[in-house]
Amino acid sequence: MTERSSSQAQGSPLKSDKGRTIISDAVVQQIAGIAAQEVEKVQMGGGASAAVGGFLSSVTGGITGGNTSGGGNVTKGVSVEVGEEETAIDLTLAIEYGKSIPQVTEAVRRNVINKVENLVGLRVTEVNVTVNDVQLPEERPRLEEQKQTEQMAQREEARA
């Protein structure tokens, strides 16, 4: 109990007597999206339909996944609510067929919480995961090929 009281007295690592640090929603979205995709057999945004949507968006010159930095679809399927000291995260993703959905989603949840809390300094109150697609293993190479095509299109667009 004493440890908890002393840690609460210290406050957030984002606040000090010299000022405070404000983290934008976009930063938390990107870190959460990258962390979720670090877990094997996970495709953010929902499998083949998300890849096709991203491809069409890149071909027509749209911005995919709300990410304007050219880094791909790291925020596709990620929404966040960010406060001064804590955040809540919602993820939508597809999981490869044959994998245990509870095990994969728990691995995603743990990785997202770990990365956001350690890299950003916000306490994660919850990570809600919606699995909206099952991805067949043979779709994975096509999705990777699609991702490369999207990146090439973005690079070409940036040069123009």
N, C-alpha and C. Protein backbone atom coordinates (compact mmCIF):
# COMPACT_ATOMS: atom_id res chain seq x y z
N MET A 1 0.82 -1.19 0.00
CA MET A 1 0.00 0.00 0.00
C MET A 1 0.86 1.26 0.00
N THR A 2 1.95 1.21 0.75
CA THR A 2 2.83 2.38 0.81
C THR A 2 3.44 2.68 -0.55
N GLU A 3 3.84 1.62 -1.29
CA GLU A 3 4.42 1.82 -2.61
C GLU A 3 3.44 2.51 -3.55
N ARG A 4 2.19 2.08 -3.50
CA ARG A 4 1.18 2.67 -4.38
C ARG A 4 0.98 4.15 -4.06
N SER A 5 0.92 4.47 -2.75
CA SER A 5 0.73 5.86 -2.36
C SER A 5 1.90 6.72 -2.81
N SER A 6 3.13 6.20 -2.67
CA SER A 6 4.28 6.99 -3.07
C SER A 6 4.34 7.16 -4.59
N SER A 7 3.92 6.12 -5.35
CA SER A 7 3.94 6.26 -6.81
C SER A 7 2.86 7.24 -7.27
N GLN A 8 1.73 7.26 -6.57
CA GLN A 8 0.70 8.22 -6.92
C GLN A 8 1.15 9.63 -6.58
N ALA A 9 1.91 9.78 -5.50
CA ALA A 9 2.41 11.09 -5.12
C ALA A 9 3.38 11.62 -6.18
N GLN A 10 4.14 10.71 -6.82
CA GLN A 10 5.07 11.12 -7.86
C GLN A 10 4.34 11.59 -9.10
N GLY A 11 3.17 11.05 -9.34
CA GLY A 11 2.38 11.45 -10.50
C GLY A 11 2.84 10.75 -11.77
N SER A 12 2.40 11.28 -12.88
CA SER A 12 2.70 10.71 -14.19
C SER A 12 4.13 11.06 -14.60
N PRO A 13 4.79 10.14 -15.35
CA PRO A 13 6.11 10.47 -15.88
C PRO A 13 6.05 11.59 -16.93
N LEU A 14 4.84 11.94 -17.35
CA LEU A 14 4.67 12.99 -18.34
C LEU A 14 4.50 14.37 -17.71
N LYS A 15 4.51 14.43 -16.37
CA LYS A 15 4.38 15.71 -15.68
C LYS A 15 5.58 15.88 -14.74
N SER A 16 6.15 17.07 -14.76
CA SER A 16 7.23 17.36 -13.83
C SER A 16 7.11 18.81 -13.37
N ASP A 17 7.97 19.21 -12.47
CA ASP A 17 7.93 20.59 -12.02
C ASP A 17 8.44 21.55 -13.09
N LYS A 18 9.05 21.01 -14.15
CA LYS A 18 9.56 21.83 -15.26
C LYS A 18 8.56 21.95 -16.41
N GLY A 19 7.48 21.18 -16.37
CA GLY A 19 6.48 21.22 -17.43
C GLY A 19 5.83 19.87 -17.62
N ARG A 20 5.02 19.76 -18.66
CA ARG A 20 4.34 18.50 -18.94
C ARG A 20 4.50 18.13 -20.40
N THR A 21 4.36 16.86 -20.67
CA THR A 21 4.45 16.34 -22.03
C THR A 21 3.06 15.88 -22.45
N ILE A 22 2.63 16.31 -23.62
CA ILE A 22 1.32 15.92 -24.14
C ILE A 22 1.56 14.97 -25.31
N ILE A 23 0.90 13.83 -25.28
CA ILE A 23 1.03 12.81 -26.32
C ILE A 23 -0.22 12.86 -27.19
N SER A 24 -0.04 13.01 -28.50
CA SER A 24 -1.20 13.07 -29.39
C SER A 24 -1.78 11.68 -29.62
N ASP A 25 -3.04 11.66 -30.01
CA ASP A 25 -3.72 10.40 -30.32
C ASP A 25 -2.97 9.65 -31.41
N ALA A 26 -2.47 10.38 -32.42
CA ALA A 26 -1.79 9.74 -33.56
C ALA A 26 -0.56 8.96 -33.12
N VAL A 27 0.17 9.48 -32.14
CA VAL A 27 1.36 8.77 -31.64
C VAL A 27 0.96 7.47 -30.97
N VAL A 28 -0.05 7.52 -30.13
CA VAL A 28 -0.51 6.30 -29.45
C VAL A 28 -1.06 5.31 -30.47
N GLN A 29 -1.79 5.80 -31.48
CA GLN A 29 -2.32 4.92 -32.53
C GLN A 29 -1.19 4.20 -33.26
N GLN A 30 -0.16 4.93 -33.64
CA GLN A 30 0.95 4.32 -34.37
C GLN A 30 1.67 3.28 -33.53
N ILE A 31 1.98 3.61 -32.30
CA ILE A 31 2.70 2.66 -31.43
C ILE A 31 1.85 1.43 -31.18
N ALA A 32 0.56 1.61 -30.91
CA ALA A 32 -0.33 0.46 -30.68
C ALA A 32 -0.44 -0.41 -31.93
N GLY A 33 -0.56 0.23 -33.10
CA GLY A 33 -0.65 -0.52 -34.36
C GLY A 33 0.60 -1.32 -34.65
N ILE A 34 1.76 -0.71 -34.45
CA ILE A 34 3.03 -1.41 -34.67
C ILE A 34 3.16 -2.57 -33.70
N ALA A 35 2.84 -2.31 -32.42
CA ALA A 35 2.94 -3.35 -31.40
C ALA A 35 2.02 -4.54 -31.69
N ALA A 36 0.81 -4.25 -32.16
CA ALA A 36 -0.13 -5.32 -32.48
C ALA A 36 0.39 -6.17 -33.64
N GLN A 37 0.97 -5.52 -34.65
CA GLN A 37 1.47 -6.24 -35.81
C GLN A 37 2.77 -7.00 -35.54
N GLU A 38 3.42 -6.71 -34.41
CA GLU A 38 4.61 -7.47 -34.03
C GLU A 38 4.26 -8.90 -33.64
N VAL A 39 3.00 -9.13 -33.30
CA VAL A 39 2.55 -10.47 -32.94
C VAL A 39 2.31 -11.26 -34.22
N GLU A 40 2.90 -12.44 -34.30
CA GLU A 40 2.76 -13.25 -35.52
C GLU A 40 1.31 -13.62 -35.77
N LYS A 41 0.98 -13.74 -37.05
CA LYS A 41 -0.34 -14.19 -37.53
C LYS A 41 -1.43 -13.15 -37.35
N VAL A 42 -1.05 -11.87 -37.22
CA VAL A 42 -2.02 -10.80 -37.05
C VAL A 42 -1.95 -9.85 -38.25
N GLN A 43 -3.11 -9.47 -38.78
CA GLN A 43 -3.20 -8.48 -39.86
C GLN A 43 -4.17 -7.41 -39.39
N MET A 44 -3.68 -6.19 -39.22
CA MET A 44 -4.52 -5.11 -38.72
C MET A 44 -5.59 -4.73 -39.74
N GLY A 45 -6.74 -4.34 -39.25
CA GLY A 45 -7.81 -3.85 -40.09
C GLY A 45 -8.68 -4.93 -40.68
N GLY A 46 -8.21 -6.16 -40.73
CA GLY A 46 -9.08 -7.24 -41.18
C GLY A 46 -8.74 -7.87 -42.50
N GLY A 47 -7.67 -8.59 -42.60
CA GLY A 47 -7.38 -9.50 -43.69
C GLY A 47 -7.38 -8.94 -45.09
N ALA A 48 -7.80 -9.77 -46.03
CA ALA A 48 -7.73 -9.46 -47.46
C ALA A 48 -8.56 -8.23 -47.82
N SER A 49 -9.71 -8.07 -47.19
CA SER A 49 -10.54 -6.92 -47.53
C SER A 49 -9.83 -5.62 -47.17
N ALA A 50 -9.07 -5.61 -46.08
CA ALA A 50 -8.32 -4.41 -45.70
C ALA A 50 -7.20 -4.16 -46.69
N ALA A 51 -6.54 -5.22 -47.14
CA ALA A 51 -5.44 -5.06 -48.10
C ALA A 51 -5.96 -4.51 -49.41
N VAL A 52 -7.10 -5.03 -49.87
CA VAL A 52 -7.68 -4.54 -51.11
C VAL A 52 -8.08 -3.08 -50.96
N GLY A 53 -8.67 -2.73 -49.83
CA GLY A 53 -9.05 -1.33 -49.59
C GLY A 53 -7.84 -0.43 -49.57
N GLY A 54 -6.75 -0.89 -48.93
CA GLY A 54 -5.52 -0.11 -48.90
C GLY A 54 -4.92 0.04 -50.28
N PHE A 55 -4.99 -1.02 -51.09
CA PHE A 55 -4.46 -0.96 -52.45
C PHE A 55 -5.24 0.04 -53.29
N LEU A 56 -6.56 -0.05 -53.21
CA LEU A 56 -7.39 0.88 -53.99
C LEU A 56 -7.13 2.32 -53.57
N SER A 57 -6.97 2.52 -52.27
CA SER A 57 -6.70 3.86 -51.77
C SER A 57 -5.35 4.37 -52.28
N SER A 58 -4.33 3.50 -52.31
CA SER A 58 -3.01 3.94 -52.78
C SER A 58 -3.02 4.21 -54.28
N VAL A 59 -3.78 3.42 -55.04
CA VAL A 59 -3.84 3.62 -56.49
C VAL A 59 -4.57 4.92 -56.82
N THR A 60 -5.61 5.22 -56.05
CA THR A 60 -6.39 6.43 -56.33
C THR A 60 -5.81 7.66 -55.67
N GLY A 61 -4.69 7.49 -54.95
CA GLY A 61 -4.02 8.64 -54.34
C GLY A 61 -4.54 8.97 -52.96
N GLY A 62 -5.36 8.11 -52.37
CA GLY A 62 -5.86 8.36 -51.03
C GLY A 62 -4.80 8.04 -50.00
N ILE A 63 -5.07 8.42 -48.78
CA ILE A 63 -4.16 8.13 -47.68
C ILE A 63 -4.69 6.89 -46.98
N THR A 64 -3.85 5.87 -46.85
CA THR A 64 -4.29 4.62 -46.27
C THR A 64 -4.15 4.65 -44.77
N GLY A 65 -5.19 4.16 -44.09
CA GLY A 65 -5.13 3.96 -42.66
C GLY A 65 -4.98 5.22 -41.84
N GLY A 66 -5.18 6.38 -42.43
CA GLY A 66 -5.06 7.60 -41.67
C GLY A 66 -3.63 7.98 -41.37
N ASN A 67 -2.67 7.28 -41.95
CA ASN A 67 -1.27 7.57 -41.67
C ASN A 67 -0.69 8.37 -42.81
N THR A 68 -0.34 9.61 -42.57
CA THR A 68 0.17 10.48 -43.62
C THR A 68 1.69 10.46 -43.71
N SER A 69 2.37 9.70 -42.86
CA SER A 69 3.82 9.72 -42.85
C SER A 69 4.43 8.79 -43.88
N GLY A 70 3.62 8.05 -44.64
CA GLY A 70 4.14 7.14 -45.64
C GLY A 70 4.62 5.83 -45.05
N GLY A 71 4.31 5.56 -43.80
CA GLY A 71 4.80 4.36 -43.13
C GLY A 71 3.89 3.17 -43.28
N GLY A 72 2.91 3.21 -44.17
CA GLY A 72 2.04 2.06 -44.37
C GLY A 72 0.76 2.19 -43.58
N ASN A 73 0.18 1.03 -43.25
CA ASN A 73 -1.12 0.99 -42.60
C ASN A 73 -1.03 0.70 -41.12
N VAL A 74 -0.07 1.27 -40.41
CA VAL A 74 0.09 0.94 -39.00
C VAL A 74 -1.08 1.38 -38.13
N THR A 75 -1.86 2.36 -38.58
CA THR A 75 -2.99 2.79 -37.76
C THR A 75 -4.32 2.23 -38.23
N LYS A 76 -4.31 1.45 -39.30
CA LYS A 76 -5.56 0.85 -39.79
C LYS A 76 -6.08 -0.13 -38.72
N GLY A 77 -7.32 0.05 -38.31
CA GLY A 77 -7.90 -0.82 -37.30
C GLY A 77 -7.57 -0.44 -35.87
N VAL A 78 -7.02 0.77 -35.66
CA VAL A 78 -6.64 1.21 -34.32
C VAL A 78 -7.37 2.51 -34.00
N SER A 79 -8.06 2.54 -32.87
CA SER A 79 -8.62 3.80 -32.39
C SER A 79 -8.25 3.93 -30.91
N VAL A 80 -8.05 5.16 -30.48
CA VAL A 80 -7.59 5.40 -29.12
C VAL A 80 -8.34 6.57 -28.49
N GLU A 81 -8.39 6.55 -27.18
CA GLU A 81 -8.83 7.70 -26.39
C GLU A 81 -7.67 8.00 -25.46
N VAL A 82 -7.11 9.20 -25.59
CA VAL A 82 -5.93 9.56 -24.83
C VAL A 82 -6.25 10.68 -23.85
N GLY A 83 -5.93 10.42 -22.58
CA GLY A 83 -6.06 11.45 -21.55
C GLY A 83 -4.68 11.95 -21.17
N GLU A 84 -4.60 12.69 -20.08
CA GLU A 84 -3.31 13.23 -19.64
C GLU A 84 -2.41 12.15 -19.08
N GLU A 85 -2.99 11.12 -18.44
CA GLU A 85 -2.17 10.10 -17.79
C GLU A 85 -2.49 8.68 -18.23
N GLU A 86 -3.60 8.48 -18.95
CA GLU A 86 -3.98 7.13 -19.35
C GLU A 86 -4.62 7.11 -20.72
N THR A 87 -4.73 5.90 -21.26
CA THR A 87 -5.31 5.74 -22.59
C THR A 87 -6.10 4.43 -22.65
N ALA A 88 -7.09 4.39 -23.53
CA ALA A 88 -7.84 3.18 -23.84
C ALA A 88 -7.69 2.95 -25.34
N ILE A 89 -7.53 1.69 -25.73
CA ILE A 89 -7.22 1.35 -27.12
C ILE A 89 -8.20 0.31 -27.63
N ASP A 90 -8.70 0.51 -28.85
CA ASP A 90 -9.55 -0.46 -29.54
C ASP A 90 -8.83 -0.90 -30.81
N LEU A 91 -8.74 -2.21 -31.01
CA LEU A 91 -8.07 -2.78 -32.17
C LEU A 91 -9.04 -3.65 -32.96
N THR A 92 -8.96 -3.59 -34.28
CA THR A 92 -9.71 -4.48 -35.15
C THR A 92 -8.69 -5.18 -36.03
N LEU A 93 -8.76 -6.52 -36.07
CA LEU A 93 -7.73 -7.26 -36.78
C LEU A 93 -8.24 -8.60 -37.29
N ALA A 94 -7.42 -9.21 -38.13
CA ALA A 94 -7.66 -10.56 -38.63
C ALA A 94 -6.57 -11.46 -38.07
N ILE A 95 -6.92 -12.72 -37.86
CA ILE A 95 -5.97 -13.71 -37.34
C ILE A 95 -5.92 -14.87 -38.32
N GLU A 96 -4.72 -15.40 -38.49
CA GLU A 96 -4.55 -16.53 -39.40
C GLU A 96 -5.35 -17.74 -38.93
N TYR A 97 -6.03 -18.40 -39.88
CA TYR A 97 -6.83 -19.58 -39.60
C TYR A 97 -5.97 -20.65 -38.94
N GLY A 98 -6.53 -21.30 -37.94
CA GLY A 98 -5.84 -22.39 -37.26
C GLY A 98 -5.15 -21.95 -35.98
N LYS A 99 -5.07 -20.67 -35.74
CA LYS A 99 -4.45 -20.15 -34.53
C LYS A 99 -5.52 -19.88 -33.49
N SER A 100 -5.18 -20.07 -32.23
CA SER A 100 -6.12 -19.84 -31.14
C SER A 100 -6.39 -18.34 -31.00
N ILE A 101 -7.62 -17.95 -31.25
CA ILE A 101 -7.97 -16.54 -31.16
C ILE A 101 -7.73 -15.99 -29.75
N PRO A 102 -8.15 -16.69 -28.68
CA PRO A 102 -7.87 -16.14 -27.34
C PRO A 102 -6.37 -15.98 -27.06
N GLN A 103 -5.55 -16.93 -27.50
CA GLN A 103 -4.11 -16.82 -27.25
C GLN A 103 -3.48 -15.68 -28.04
N VAL A 104 -3.86 -15.56 -29.31
CA VAL A 104 -3.28 -14.50 -30.14
C VAL A 104 -3.73 -13.12 -29.64
N THR A 105 -5.01 -12.98 -29.33
CA THR A 105 -5.49 -11.67 -28.87
C THR A 105 -4.87 -11.30 -27.52
N GLU A 106 -4.63 -12.27 -26.66
CA GLU A 106 -3.98 -11.98 -25.38
C GLU A 106 -2.54 -11.55 -25.60
N ALA A 107 -1.85 -12.18 -26.56
CA ALA A 107 -0.47 -11.79 -26.89
C ALA A 107 -0.45 -10.36 -27.46
N VAL A 108 -1.43 -10.05 -28.30
CA VAL A 108 -1.54 -8.69 -28.85
C VAL A 108 -1.77 -7.70 -27.71
N ARG A 109 -2.72 -8.02 -26.84
CA ARG A 109 -3.05 -7.13 -25.72
C ARG A 109 -1.82 -6.86 -24.84
N ARG A 110 -1.10 -7.93 -24.49
CA ARG A 110 0.10 -7.77 -23.65
C ARG A 110 1.16 -6.91 -24.33
N ASN A 111 1.40 -7.16 -25.62
CA ASN A 111 2.43 -6.41 -26.34
C ASN A 111 2.06 -4.93 -26.48
N VAL A 112 0.79 -4.67 -26.78
CA VAL A 112 0.34 -3.28 -26.93
C VAL A 112 0.47 -2.54 -25.59
N ILE A 113 0.01 -3.16 -24.52
CA ILE A 113 0.11 -2.52 -23.20
C ILE A 113 1.57 -2.25 -22.85
N ASN A 114 2.42 -3.25 -23.04
CA ASN A 114 3.84 -3.11 -22.72
C ASN A 114 4.48 -1.97 -23.50
N LYS A 115 4.27 -1.95 -24.82
CA LYS A 115 4.90 -0.92 -25.66
C LYS A 115 4.36 0.48 -25.36
N VAL A 116 3.06 0.62 -25.24
CA VAL A 116 2.48 1.95 -25.00
C VAL A 116 2.92 2.48 -23.63
N GLU A 117 2.85 1.63 -22.60
CA GLU A 117 3.22 2.11 -21.27
C GLU A 117 4.71 2.45 -21.20
N ASN A 118 5.57 1.62 -21.82
CA ASN A 118 7.01 1.86 -21.73
C ASN A 118 7.49 2.97 -22.66
N LEU A 119 6.95 3.05 -23.87
CA LEU A 119 7.42 4.05 -24.83
C LEU A 119 6.76 5.41 -24.66
N VAL A 120 5.50 5.42 -24.25
CA VAL A 120 4.74 6.66 -24.20
C VAL A 120 4.62 7.22 -22.78
N GLY A 121 4.53 6.33 -21.80
CA GLY A 121 4.40 6.79 -20.42
C GLY A 121 2.96 6.93 -19.95
N LEU A 122 2.02 6.55 -20.79
CA LEU A 122 0.61 6.56 -20.40
C LEU A 122 0.23 5.20 -19.83
N ARG A 123 -0.64 5.18 -18.83
CA ARG A 123 -1.16 3.93 -18.30
C ARG A 123 -2.28 3.47 -19.22
N VAL A 124 -2.24 2.21 -19.64
CA VAL A 124 -3.27 1.66 -20.52
C VAL A 124 -4.36 1.06 -19.63
N THR A 125 -5.57 1.62 -19.74
CA THR A 125 -6.67 1.14 -18.91
C THR A 125 -7.35 -0.09 -19.52
N GLU A 126 -7.37 -0.16 -20.86
CA GLU A 126 -7.96 -1.32 -21.53
C GLU A 126 -7.52 -1.38 -22.97
N VAL A 127 -7.49 -2.61 -23.48
CA VAL A 127 -7.24 -2.86 -24.89
C VAL A 127 -8.34 -3.81 -25.35
N ASN A 128 -9.29 -3.28 -26.10
CA ASN A 128 -10.39 -4.09 -26.63
C ASN A 128 -10.02 -4.55 -28.03
N VAL A 129 -10.16 -5.85 -28.27
CA VAL A 129 -9.77 -6.43 -29.55
C VAL A 129 -11.00 -7.01 -30.24
N THR A 130 -11.24 -6.59 -31.47
CA THR A 130 -12.30 -7.16 -32.30
C THR A 130 -11.63 -7.94 -33.42
N VAL A 131 -11.93 -9.22 -33.52
CA VAL A 131 -11.43 -10.05 -34.61
C VAL A 131 -12.54 -10.09 -35.65
N ASN A 132 -12.30 -9.49 -36.82
CA ASN A 132 -13.36 -9.39 -37.81
C ASN A 132 -13.09 -10.21 -39.07
N ASP A 133 -12.01 -11.00 -39.06
CA ASP A 133 -11.70 -11.79 -40.24
C ASP A 133 -10.75 -12.93 -39.86
N VAL A 134 -10.81 -13.99 -40.61
CA VAL A 134 -9.87 -15.10 -40.49
C VAL A 134 -9.10 -15.14 -41.79
N GLN A 135 -7.80 -15.13 -41.67
CA GLN A 135 -6.93 -15.06 -42.84
C GLN A 135 -6.39 -16.47 -43.13
N LEU A 136 -6.50 -16.89 -44.38
CA LEU A 136 -5.95 -18.17 -44.77
C LEU A 136 -4.44 -18.03 -44.95
N PRO A 137 -3.65 -19.02 -44.55
CA PRO A 137 -2.19 -18.90 -44.64
C PRO A 137 -1.70 -18.54 -46.05
N GLU A 138 -2.36 -19.02 -47.08
CA GLU A 138 -1.91 -18.72 -48.44
C GLU A 138 -2.18 -17.28 -48.85
N GLU A 139 -3.02 -16.55 -48.09
CA GLU A 139 -3.26 -15.14 -48.38
C GLU A 139 -2.10 -14.27 -47.93
N ARG A 140 -1.32 -14.73 -46.96
CA ARG A 140 -0.26 -13.92 -46.37
C ARG A 140 0.75 -13.43 -47.41
N PRO A 141 1.28 -14.31 -48.30
CA PRO A 141 2.23 -13.79 -49.30
C PRO A 141 1.60 -12.73 -50.20
N ARG A 142 0.31 -12.90 -50.55
CA ARG A 142 -0.36 -11.90 -51.38
C ARG A 142 -0.50 -10.58 -50.64
N LEU A 143 -0.76 -10.65 -49.32
CA LEU A 143 -0.88 -9.43 -48.54
C LEU A 143 0.47 -8.72 -48.43
N GLU A 144 1.54 -9.49 -48.26
CA GLU A 144 2.88 -8.88 -48.20
C GLU A 144 3.23 -8.24 -49.54
N GLU A 145 2.89 -8.93 -50.63
CA GLU A 145 3.12 -8.39 -51.96
C GLU A 145 2.32 -7.10 -52.15
N GLN A 146 1.09 -7.11 -51.66
CA GLN A 146 0.23 -5.94 -51.73
C GLN A 146 0.83 -4.78 -50.95
N LYS A 147 1.36 -5.05 -49.76
CA LYS A 147 1.95 -4.02 -48.93
C LYS A 147 3.14 -3.38 -49.65
N GLN A 148 3.95 -4.20 -50.32
CA GLN A 148 5.09 -3.68 -51.08
C GLN A 148 4.61 -2.80 -52.23
N THR A 149 3.54 -3.21 -52.90
CA THR A 149 2.99 -2.42 -54.00
C THR A 149 2.49 -1.07 -53.48
N GLU A 150 1.82 -1.07 -52.33
CA GLU A 150 1.35 0.17 -51.73
C GLU A 150 2.51 1.10 -51.40
N GLN A 151 3.58 0.54 -50.81
CA GLN A 151 4.73 1.36 -50.45
C GLN A 151 5.40 1.95 -51.69
N MET A 152 5.50 1.16 -52.75
CA MET A 152 6.07 1.68 -53.99
C MET A 152 5.23 2.82 -54.55
N ALA A 153 3.91 2.66 -54.52
CA ALA A 153 3.01 3.70 -55.03
C ALA A 153 3.15 4.97 -54.20
N GLN A 154 3.30 4.83 -52.88
CA GLN A 154 3.45 6.00 -52.02
C GLN A 154 4.78 6.70 -52.30
N ARG A 155 5.85 5.93 -52.52
CA ARG A 155 7.15 6.52 -52.82
C ARG A 155 7.08 7.29 -54.15
N GLU A 156 6.44 6.69 -55.14
CA GLU A 156 6.30 7.34 -56.45
C GLU A 156 5.49 8.63 -56.31
N GLU A 157 4.45 8.57 -55.53
CA GLU A 157 3.60 9.74 -55.32
C GLU A 157 4.39 10.84 -54.62
N ALA A 158 5.24 10.48 -53.67
CA ALA A 158 6.03 11.45 -52.94
C ALA A 158 7.06 12.13 -53.85
N ARG A 159 7.58 11.39 -54.82
CA ARG A 159 8.55 11.95 -55.77
C ARG A 159 7.91 12.92 -56.75
N ALA A 160 6.63 12.68 -57.05
CA ALA A 160 5.93 13.51 -58.06
C ALA A 160 5.60 14.89 -57.57
